[in-house]
Amino acid sequence: MSEREKLVLVAEDDDTLRFLMLKQLIKMGVQAHCVKNGAEAVERAKAVSYSAIFMDLKMPVMDGSEAIRQIRAIEAEQHKPHAPIIVMTAYGDRERCAELSINDFLFKPVLFDALKQSLNRCSITGDDSGV
């Protein structure tokens, strides 16, 4: 798997949680771009094809639900394949996620094993970690 295939986007407004996600992904051999809100996630998704997108639902400027809708529209408009989207939430938002086009769901704080399993389900793995 090439480095480009292991590039993910993390959209999380909490600095500590964003830092922890980044550290875990690096440990797994996965590169990440990080943004602080849904609007920034949409802008990144316009410019870069990600292997996966980790999206918080409750963020300032634009929430994750709207960002997901816009990202899916951009993918369709640009004829890009759908990037797997993994929702990260501290709340029981499974019902809210049922209406969104997502691939997986993680509770925060995201634990290493849960993150590794989610990456495996989305076929995004690192070379050095045995993921």
Protein backbone atom coordinates (compact mmCIF):
# COMPACT_ATOMS: atom_id res chain seq x y z
CA MET A 1 0.00 0.00 0.00
CA SER A 2 1.44 3.36 -0.99
CA GLU A 3 1.78 6.32 1.35
CA ARG A 4 -0.98 8.13 -0.53
CA GLU A 5 -3.34 5.24 0.19
CA LYS A 6 -2.65 5.72 3.89
CA LEU A 7 -3.50 9.42 4.09
CA VAL A 8 -6.51 10.13 6.27
CA LEU A 9 -8.29 13.27 7.40
CA VAL A 10 -9.17 13.87 11.05
CA ALA A 11 -11.85 16.51 11.68
CA GLU A 12 -11.97 17.14 15.44
CA ASP A 13 -12.38 20.45 17.26
CA ASP A 14 -10.89 19.32 20.59
CA ASP A 15 -7.11 19.90 20.56
CA THR A 16 -6.35 17.03 22.95
CA LEU A 17 -8.49 14.46 21.14
CA ARG A 18 -7.09 15.56 17.78
CA PHE A 19 -3.54 15.17 19.13
CA LEU A 20 -4.31 11.70 20.52
CA MET A 21 -5.82 10.55 17.22
CA LEU A 22 -2.78 11.81 15.33
CA LYS A 23 -0.36 10.03 17.69
CA GLN A 24 -2.27 6.74 17.37
CA LEU A 25 -2.41 6.98 13.58
CA ILE A 26 1.32 7.72 13.37
CA LYS A 27 2.00 4.69 15.57
CA MET A 28 0.05 2.61 13.04
CA GLY A 29 2.01 4.00 10.10
CA VAL A 30 -0.87 6.12 8.81
CA GLN A 31 -0.37 9.75 7.80
CA ALA A 32 -3.06 12.29 8.67
CA HIS A 33 -4.14 15.81 7.96
CA CYS A 34 -6.02 17.40 10.85
CA VAL A 35 -8.67 20.13 10.82
CA LYS A 36 -10.72 21.80 13.54
CA ASN A 37 -14.18 22.03 11.98
CA GLY A 38 -16.44 20.73 9.25
CA ALA A 39 -15.86 23.65 6.90
CA GLU A 40 -12.11 22.96 6.93
CA ALA A 41 -12.82 19.26 6.32
CA VAL A 42 -14.91 20.09 3.26
CA GLU A 43 -12.16 22.34 1.86
CA ARG A 44 -9.54 19.61 2.35
CA ALA A 45 -11.79 16.99 0.76
CA LYS A 46 -12.14 19.20 -2.33
CA ALA A 47 -8.37 19.27 -2.76
CA VAL A 48 -7.21 15.83 -1.58
CA SER A 49 -8.44 12.26 -2.07
CA TYR A 50 -8.28 10.66 1.37
CA SER A 51 -8.16 6.97 2.19
CA ALA A 52 -10.55 7.64 5.07
CA ILE A 53 -12.08 10.56 6.93
CA PHE A 54 -12.58 10.60 10.71
CA MET A 55 -15.34 13.07 11.48
CA ASP A 56 -16.55 14.49 14.79
CA LEU A 57 -20.25 15.35 14.62
CA LYS A 58 -20.35 18.30 17.01
CA MET A 59 -17.96 21.00 15.79
CA PRO A 60 -18.08 24.78 15.41
CA VAL A 61 -18.50 26.60 12.08
CA MET A 62 -19.99 23.50 10.38
CA ASP A 63 -21.04 20.31 12.15
CA GLY A 64 -19.92 16.90 10.99
CA SER A 65 -23.30 15.91 9.55
CA GLU A 66 -23.33 18.84 7.14
CA ALA A 67 -19.65 18.30 6.31
CA ILE A 68 -20.36 14.66 5.43
CA ARG A 69 -23.25 15.68 3.15
CA GLN A 70 -21.04 18.23 1.38
CA ILE A 71 -18.10 15.83 1.06
CA ARG A 72 -20.34 13.18 -0.51
CA ALA A 73 -21.67 15.82 -2.94
CA ILE A 74 -18.11 16.85 -3.85
CA GLU A 75 -17.11 13.23 -4.44
CA ALA A 76 -20.09 12.79 -6.78
CA GLU A 77 -19.41 16.07 -8.59
CA GLN A 78 -15.70 15.26 -9.04
CA HIS A 79 -16.42 11.59 -9.90
CA LYS A 80 -14.21 10.49 -7.01
CA PRO A 81 -14.79 7.22 -5.16
CA HIS A 82 -16.38 7.60 -1.72
CA ALA A 83 -13.75 7.81 1.00
CA PRO A 84 -14.74 5.73 4.02
CA ILE A 85 -16.10 8.11 6.66
CA ILE A 86 -15.79 7.10 10.30
CA VAL A 87 -17.83 9.17 12.74
CA MET A 88 -16.28 9.87 16.14
CA THR A 89 -18.63 10.94 18.90
CA ALA A 90 -18.90 11.09 22.67
CA TYR A 91 -22.68 10.87 22.40
CA GLY A 92 -25.11 8.15 21.37
CA ASP A 93 -25.58 9.47 17.84
CA ARG A 94 -26.09 6.15 16.05
CA GLU A 95 -29.64 7.11 15.03
CA ARG A 96 -28.41 10.43 13.64
CA CYS A 97 -25.68 8.59 11.73
CA ALA A 98 -28.16 6.18 10.12
CA GLU A 99 -29.23 8.98 7.74
CA LEU A 100 -25.63 9.79 6.80
CA SER A 101 -23.47 7.97 4.30
CA ILE A 102 -20.87 6.68 6.76
CA ASN A 103 -18.82 3.50 7.00
CA ASP A 104 -18.08 3.17 10.70
CA PHE A 105 -18.76 4.66 14.11
CA LEU A 106 -16.35 5.15 17.05
CA PHE A 107 -16.99 6.45 20.56
CA LYS A 108 -14.64 9.07 22.01
CA PRO A 109 -12.14 9.00 23.38
CA VAL A 110 -11.09 6.71 20.54
CA LEU A 111 -9.06 3.83 21.94
CA PHE A 112 -6.11 2.37 20.03
CA ASP A 113 -7.69 -1.06 19.46
CA ALA A 114 -10.99 0.43 18.30
CA LEU A 115 -9.15 2.72 15.88
CA LYS A 116 -7.09 -0.19 14.57
CA GLN A 117 -10.23 -2.29 14.02
CA SER A 118 -11.95 0.58 12.22
CA LEU A 119 -8.95 1.06 9.93
CA ASN A 120 -8.95 -2.65 9.17
CA ARG A 121 -12.68 -2.62 8.38
CA CYS A 122 -11.99 0.23 5.94
CA SER A 123 -8.90 -1.55 4.53
CA ILE A 124 -6.56 1.23 5.69
CA THR A 125 -3.60 -0.33 7.43
CA GLY A 126 -0.08 0.64 8.44
CA ASP A 127 3.07 -1.20 7.38
CA ASP A 128 5.02 -1.12 10.65
CA SER A 129 2.45 -1.82 13.33
CA GLY A 130 0.92 -5.11 12.39
CA VAL A 131 -2.46 -3.42 12.00
